[in-house]
Amino acid sequence: MSVSNKAVLTVLLLSAISLGAMAQRNLDPKTLETIKIKKIGFLTEQLSLTASEAEKFWPLYNELEKKKIELENKKRQLEEMVTDSKPGLTSADYRKLAIELAATHTSEGKLIEEYNLKMLDILPAEKVVKIYVAERKFRFTLMREFRKNHEDKKETEPK
């Protein structure tokens, strides 16, 4: 990879990391940054993006991720209305919450459809399909790593 390609990739990676870091508030910044770096590396490897494809893909992907996080935050806020055990919620309140929660899921589906088409405009269809597969593999890898680290901590804790 040429120096200019490395520079472009570095800028794209840093922008992807900072975007995700701003969006998440429940994870400490160091953990979030580590996850973002791993995800970017994992997706880059799985997709075999050229420098030209990466230049177009990462800003679009970051935009999608930001919007997905916004929807996830909205869902979390709606769910907290129930989990905070607020007294006095009526059947009508629960009905309204159910409709709003379903609407956020519908919005997420529409968002994915919209960005799927945008990605098909900049990447070969095979790579677009690989994005979905790679995201699932990454989540699985991350969960496996989390479980292993959690089990390792349990084994090293004094009894």
C-alpha atoms as a PDB file:
ATOM      1  CA  MET A   1       0.000   0.000   0.000  1.00  0.00           C
ATOM      2  CA  SER A   2       1.377   3.388  -0.975  1.00  0.00           C
ATOM      3  CA  VAL A   3       1.982   6.179   1.520  1.00  0.00           C
ATOM      4  CA  SER A   4      -0.981   8.197   0.203  1.00  0.00           C
ATOM      5  CA  ASN A   5      -3.290   5.179   0.495  1.00  0.00           C
ATOM      6  CA  LYS A   6      -2.094   4.630   4.062  1.00  0.00           C
ATOM      7  CA  ALA A   7      -2.744   8.289   4.883  1.00  0.00           C
ATOM      8  CA  VAL A   8      -6.275   8.125   3.454  1.00  0.00           C
ATOM      9  CA  LEU A   9      -7.000   4.913   5.347  1.00  0.00           C
ATOM     10  CA  THR A  10      -5.631   6.389   8.595  1.00  0.00           C
ATOM     11  CA  VAL A  11      -7.857   9.475   8.273  1.00  0.00           C
ATOM     12  CA  LEU A  12     -10.880   7.303   7.556  1.00  0.00           C
ATOM     13  CA  LEU A  13     -10.151   5.030  10.499  1.00  0.00           C
ATOM     14  CA  LEU A  14      -9.730   7.943  12.878  1.00  0.00           C
ATOM     15  CA  SER A  15     -12.982   9.536  11.726  1.00  0.00           C
ATOM     16  CA  ALA A  16     -14.815   6.242  12.212  1.00  0.00           C
ATOM     17  CA  ILE A  17     -13.435   5.893  15.725  1.00  0.00           C
ATOM     18  CA  SER A  18     -14.297   9.430  16.809  1.00  0.00           C
ATOM     19  CA  LEU A  19     -17.840   9.207  15.424  1.00  0.00           C
ATOM     20  CA  GLY A  20     -18.574   6.056  17.376  1.00  0.00           C
ATOM     21  CA  ALA A  21     -16.969   7.400  20.515  1.00  0.00           C
ATOM     22  CA  MET A  22     -19.222  10.433  20.546  1.00  0.00           C
ATOM     23  CA  ALA A  23     -22.340   8.330  20.098  1.00  0.00           C
ATOM     24  CA  GLN A  24     -21.875   5.870  22.927  1.00  0.00           C
ATOM     25  CA  ARG A  25     -22.121   6.955  26.528  1.00  0.00           C
ATOM     26  CA  ASN A  26     -22.415   3.729  28.522  1.00  0.00           C
ATOM     27  CA  LEU A  27     -18.941   2.396  27.685  1.00  0.00           C
ATOM     28  CA  ASP A  28     -15.770   3.972  28.906  1.00  0.00           C
ATOM     29  CA  PRO A  29     -13.927   5.752  26.073  1.00  0.00           C
ATOM     30  CA  LYS A  30     -10.937   3.384  26.137  1.00  0.00           C
ATOM     31  CA  THR A  31     -13.136   0.299  25.753  1.00  0.00           C
ATOM     32  CA  LEU A  32     -15.209   1.928  23.035  1.00  0.00           C
ATOM     33  CA  GLU A  33     -12.106   3.003  21.132  1.00  0.00           C
ATOM     34  CA  THR A  34     -10.717  -0.528  21.332  1.00  0.00           C
ATOM     35  CA  ILE A  35     -13.975  -1.982  20.008  1.00  0.00           C
ATOM     36  CA  LYS A  36     -14.120   0.558  17.180  1.00  0.00           C
ATOM     37  CA  ILE A  37     -10.525  -0.152  16.151  1.00  0.00           C
ATOM     38  CA  LYS A  38     -11.213  -3.884  16.179  1.00  0.00           C
ATOM     39  CA  LYS A  39     -14.420  -3.454  14.176  1.00  0.00           C
ATOM     40  CA  ILE A  40     -12.776  -1.260  11.561  1.00  0.00           C
ATOM     41  CA  GLY A  41      -9.896  -3.692  11.204  1.00  0.00           C
ATOM     42  CA  PHE A  42     -12.249  -6.665  11.072  1.00  0.00           C
ATOM     43  CA  LEU A  43     -14.529  -5.114   8.449  1.00  0.00           C
ATOM     44  CA  THR A  44     -11.591  -3.870   6.390  1.00  0.00           C
ATOM     45  CA  GLU A  45     -10.082  -7.350   6.358  1.00  0.00           C
ATOM     46  CA  GLN A  46     -13.369  -9.121   5.634  1.00  0.00           C
ATOM     47  CA  LEU A  47     -14.360  -6.750   2.827  1.00  0.00           C
ATOM     48  CA  SER A  48     -10.941  -6.385   1.176  1.00  0.00           C
ATOM     49  CA  LEU A  49     -11.724  -2.772   0.344  1.00  0.00           C
ATOM     50  CA  THR A  50      -9.556  -0.961  -2.137  1.00  0.00           C
ATOM     51  CA  ALA A  51      -8.370   2.530  -1.137  1.00  0.00           C
ATOM     52  CA  SER A  52     -10.943   4.046  -3.486  1.00  0.00           C
ATOM     53  CA  GLU A  53     -13.752   1.905  -2.059  1.00  0.00           C
ATOM     54  CA  ALA A  54     -12.682   2.645   1.520  1.00  0.00           C
ATOM     55  CA  GLU A  55     -12.696   6.376   0.826  1.00  0.00           C
ATOM     56  CA  LYS A  56     -16.357   6.183  -0.208  1.00  0.00           C
ATOM     57  CA  PHE A  57     -17.462   3.412   2.144  1.00  0.00           C
ATOM     58  CA  TRP A  58     -16.303   4.602   5.578  1.00  0.00           C
ATOM     59  CA  PRO A  59     -18.057   7.993   5.607  1.00  0.00           C
ATOM     60  CA  LEU A  60     -21.292   6.311   4.480  1.00  0.00           C
ATOM     61  CA  TYR A  61     -20.904   3.480   6.999  1.00  0.00           C
ATOM     62  CA  ASN A  62     -20.162   5.951   9.804  1.00  0.00           C
ATOM     63  CA  GLU A  63     -23.272   7.933   8.882  1.00  0.00           C
ATOM     64  CA  LEU A  64     -25.356   4.745   9.037  1.00  0.00           C
ATOM     65  CA  GLU A  65     -23.843   3.746  12.381  1.00  0.00           C
ATOM     66  CA  LYS A  66     -24.580   7.186  13.834  1.00  0.00           C
ATOM     67  CA  LYS A  67     -28.229   6.961  12.772  1.00  0.00           C
ATOM     68  CA  LYS A  68     -28.526   3.398  14.100  1.00  0.00           C
ATOM     69  CA  ILE A  69     -27.123   4.537  17.456  1.00  0.00           C
ATOM     70  CA  GLU A  70     -29.642   7.393  17.562  1.00  0.00           C
ATOM     71  CA  LEU A  71     -32.479   4.894  17.010  1.00  0.00           C
ATOM     72  CA  GLU A  72     -31.017   2.559  19.622  1.00  0.00           C
ATOM     73  CA  ASN A  73     -30.890   5.433  22.118  1.00  0.00           C
ATOM     74  CA  LYS A  74     -34.532   6.253  21.359  1.00  0.00           C
ATOM     75  CA  LYS A  75     -35.494   2.605  21.943  1.00  0.00           C
ATOM     76  CA  ARG A  76     -33.545   2.596  25.205  1.00  0.00           C
ATOM     77  CA  GLN A  77     -35.347   5.751  26.376  1.00  0.00           C
ATOM     78  CA  LEU A  78     -38.720   4.201  25.599  1.00  0.00           C
ATOM     79  CA  GLU A  79     -37.786   0.960  27.366  1.00  0.00           C
ATOM     80  CA  GLU A  80     -36.587   2.901  30.413  1.00  0.00           C
ATOM     81  CA  MET A  81     -40.073   4.316  30.794  1.00  0.00           C
ATOM     82  CA  VAL A  82     -41.153   0.794  31.723  1.00  0.00           C
ATOM     83  CA  THR A  83     -38.059  -0.500  33.516  1.00  0.00           C
ATOM     84  CA  ASP A  84     -37.896   2.505  35.808  1.00  0.00           C
ATOM     85  CA  SER A  85     -41.171   1.228  37.297  1.00  0.00           C
ATOM     86  CA  LYS A  86     -42.945   4.509  36.981  1.00  0.00           C
ATOM     87  CA  PRO A  87     -46.237   4.230  38.791  1.00  0.00           C
ATOM     88  CA  GLY A  88     -49.396   5.260  37.079  1.00  0.00           C
ATOM     89  CA  LEU A  89     -48.729   3.998  33.543  1.00  0.00           C
ATOM     90  CA  THR A  90     -52.088   3.190  32.081  1.00  0.00           C
ATOM     91  CA  SER A  91     -52.998   0.618  29.482  1.00  0.00           C
ATOM     92  CA  ALA A  92     -53.144   3.490  26.988  1.00  0.00           C
ATOM     93  CA  ASP A  93     -49.592   4.535  27.976  1.00  0.00           C
ATOM     94  CA  TYR A  94     -48.327   0.993  27.399  1.00  0.00           C
ATOM     95  CA  ARG A  95     -50.142   0.850  24.079  1.00  0.00           C
ATOM     96  CA  LYS A  96     -48.499   4.099  23.001  1.00  0.00           C
ATOM     97  CA  LEU A  97     -45.074   2.762  24.082  1.00  0.00           C
ATOM     98  CA  ALA A  98     -45.622  -0.464  22.148  1.00  0.00           C
ATOM     99  CA  ILE A  99     -46.492   1.494  19.012  1.00  0.00           C
ATOM    100  CA  GLU A 100     -43.474   3.795  19.429  1.00  0.00           C
ATOM    101  CA  LEU A 101     -41.107   0.852  20.012  1.00  0.00           C
ATOM    102  CA  ALA A 102     -42.399  -0.921  16.913  1.00  0.00           C
ATOM    103  CA  ALA A 103     -41.976   2.318  14.946  1.00  0.00           C
ATOM    104  CA  THR A 104     -38.295   2.524  15.942  1.00  0.00           C
ATOM    105  CA  HIS A 105     -37.778  -1.031  14.668  1.00  0.00           C
ATOM    106  CA  THR A 106     -39.529  -0.103  11.415  1.00  0.00           C
ATOM    107  CA  SER A 107     -37.354   3.010  11.123  1.00  0.00           C
ATOM    108  CA  GLU A 108     -34.257   0.904  11.601  1.00  0.00           C
ATOM    109  CA  GLY A 109     -35.332  -1.453   8.827  1.00  0.00           C
ATOM    110  CA  LYS A 110     -36.006   1.461   6.473  1.00  0.00           C
ATOM    111  CA  LEU A 111     -32.649   2.963   7.366  1.00  0.00           C
ATOM    112  CA  ILE A 112     -30.858  -0.276   6.527  1.00  0.00           C
ATOM    113  CA  GLU A 113     -32.727  -0.511   3.226  1.00  0.00           C
ATOM    114  CA  GLU A 114     -31.802   3.082   2.376  1.00  0.00           C
ATOM    115  CA  TYR A 115     -28.118   2.623   3.145  1.00  0.00           C
ATOM    116  CA  ASN A 116     -28.050  -0.773   1.459  1.00  0.00           C
ATOM    117  CA  LEU A 117     -28.952   0.973  -1.798  1.00  0.00           C
ATOM    118  CA  LYS A 118     -26.352   3.685  -1.184  1.00  0.00           C
ATOM    119  CA  MET A 119     -23.679   1.055  -0.554  1.00  0.00           C
ATOM    120  CA  LEU A 120     -24.676  -0.810  -3.712  1.00  0.00           C
ATOM    121  CA  ASP A 121     -23.928   2.419  -5.592  1.00  0.00           C
ATOM    122  CA  ILE A 122     -20.327   2.507  -4.331  1.00  0.00           C
ATOM    123  CA  LEU A 123     -19.394  -1.159  -3.792  1.00  0.00           C
ATOM    124  CA  PRO A 124     -19.842  -4.398  -5.694  1.00  0.00           C
ATOM    125  CA  ALA A 125     -22.929  -6.301  -4.476  1.00  0.00           C
ATOM    126  CA  GLU A 126     -20.723  -9.110  -3.167  1.00  0.00           C
ATOM    127  CA  LYS A 127     -18.973  -6.700  -0.790  1.00  0.00           C
ATOM    128  CA  VAL A 128     -22.280  -5.237   0.374  1.00  0.00           C
ATOM    129  CA  VAL A 129     -23.464  -8.725   1.310  1.00  0.00           C
ATOM    130  CA  LYS A 130     -20.123  -9.318   3.031  1.00  0.00           C
ATOM    131  CA  ILE A 131     -20.765  -6.245   5.222  1.00  0.00           C
ATOM    132  CA  TYR A 132     -23.772  -7.932   6.818  1.00  0.00           C
ATOM    133  CA  VAL A 133     -21.939 -11.214   7.274  1.00  0.00           C
ATOM    134  CA  ALA A 134     -18.862  -9.461   8.671  1.00  0.00           C
ATOM    135  CA  GLU A 135     -20.933  -7.416  11.159  1.00  0.00           C
ATOM    136  CA  ARG A 136     -22.551 -10.603  12.461  1.00  0.00           C
ATOM    137  CA  LYS A 137     -19.167 -12.342  12.696  1.00  0.00           C
ATOM    138  CA  PHE A 138     -17.731  -9.329  14.517  1.00  0.00           C
ATOM    139  CA  ARG A 139     -20.565  -9.294  17.086  1.00  0.00           C
ATOM    140  CA  PHE A 140     -20.063 -13.020  17.640  1.00  0.00           C
ATOM    141  CA  THR A 141     -16.288 -12.564  18.003  1.00  0.00           C
ATOM    142  CA  LEU A 142     -16.765  -9.662  20.402  1.00  0.00           C
ATOM    143  CA  MET A 143     -19.235 -11.608  22.551  1.00  0.00           C
ATOM    144  CA  ARG A 144     -16.929 -14.629  22.637  1.00  0.00           C
ATOM    145  CA  GLU A 145     -14.025 -12.384  23.673  1.00  0.00           C
ATOM    146  CA  PHE A 146     -16.176 -10.723  26.351  1.00  0.00           C
ATOM    147  CA  ARG A 147     -17.229 -14.093  27.763  1.00  0.00           C
ATOM    148  CA  LYS A 148     -13.651 -15.362  27.784  1.00  0.00           C
ATOM    149  CA  ASN A 149     -12.405 -12.218  29.550  1.00  0.00           C
ATOM    150  CA  HIS A 150     -15.270 -12.447  32.051  1.00  0.00           C
ATOM    151  CA  GLU A 151     -14.479 -16.113  32.765  1.00  0.00           C
ATOM    152  CA  ASP A 152     -10.761 -15.352  33.079  1.00  0.00           C
ATOM    153  CA  LYS A 153     -11.503 -12.607  35.626  1.00  0.00           C
ATOM    154  CA  LYS A 154     -13.666 -15.000  37.639  1.00  0.00           C
ATOM    155  CA  GLU A 155     -10.867 -17.570  37.748  1.00  0.00           C
ATOM    156  CA  THR A 156      -8.277 -15.037  38.928  1.00  0.00           C
ATOM    157  CA  GLU A 157     -10.460 -13.426  41.611  1.00  0.00           C
ATOM    158  CA  PRO A 158      -9.545 -14.387  45.183  1.00  0.00           C
ATOM    159  CA  LYS A 159     -12.032 -16.730  46.792  1.00  0.00           C
END
